[in-house]
Structure formats: structure tokens, C-alpha cells
């Protein structure tokens, strides 16, 4: 674990939201002004591959990163892009259900719910 990688990990774990690489870069630069964006990108990928952080690929949006490894799900606002944790609720054995349906050896999954966050709903209500 290099010093740069350690600082990147510490910054991600401090963030309650799920930052993209640019946001991680801005936070890390406060502590390490000479770090490059490319270094942050490479280290985020390395931390993700090593299973130290989670990479959230949300299709069409920038990759986001999550320092919380405990099992949990996410909800994303379709209007502002806000992404939050959702406590795990009891779900049927999703892996078993899909294993038979697709023939894949399932190694994991991410459940990302979509909707409209309370702030965006309030804005809609105010506009009417």
C-alpha cells in the first residue's frame, strides 16, 4: 500500500456520498497537491480490483466509488444523480434464481434502485 493509495482510500472512506474519480482527486489534492489525476484513476482501479473499495458502474454516468464493503444496496435519483446507500433488506437468493436462468456462474451482484429523491420531488412540487 503506497502512501498515495492510502490517502486515496482514507478520503473515499471519509465521504458519505459515492464520489467519482474527479471528486476523489479534488479531495486527495488537498493533502497531496502534486498528485496527478492519472495516478488517482490508476489507484482507484487497483483498490477496486483488490476488493478494498467497490466500483459502481451506473451505465452512461461516471464510475462512482464506495468505501463501504458491508453488503448494502444503492438508490440513484434519475434527475440529479444523487446516489445513496440503502440498508440491506431481506431478499430472496438472487444469485440462485439467476444462475438457473442465464447459465452463468454468478460471482456477485449490485442492486441499484432508481427513483426521484426527496429534494427533486420537492422542487417539482414547488414548480406546480
Foldseek 3Di string as FASTA:
>chain_A
DDPLLVLLLVQQAVDQFFAFLVVSVVVSCVVVVPDDSVVSVVSQVVCCVVLQWPWADDPPDGITIHRDNPDWAWEAEPPPGTIHTDHDDDDPPVQVVVCVVPVDNDPDDHHYHYHHDPVRVVVVVVVD
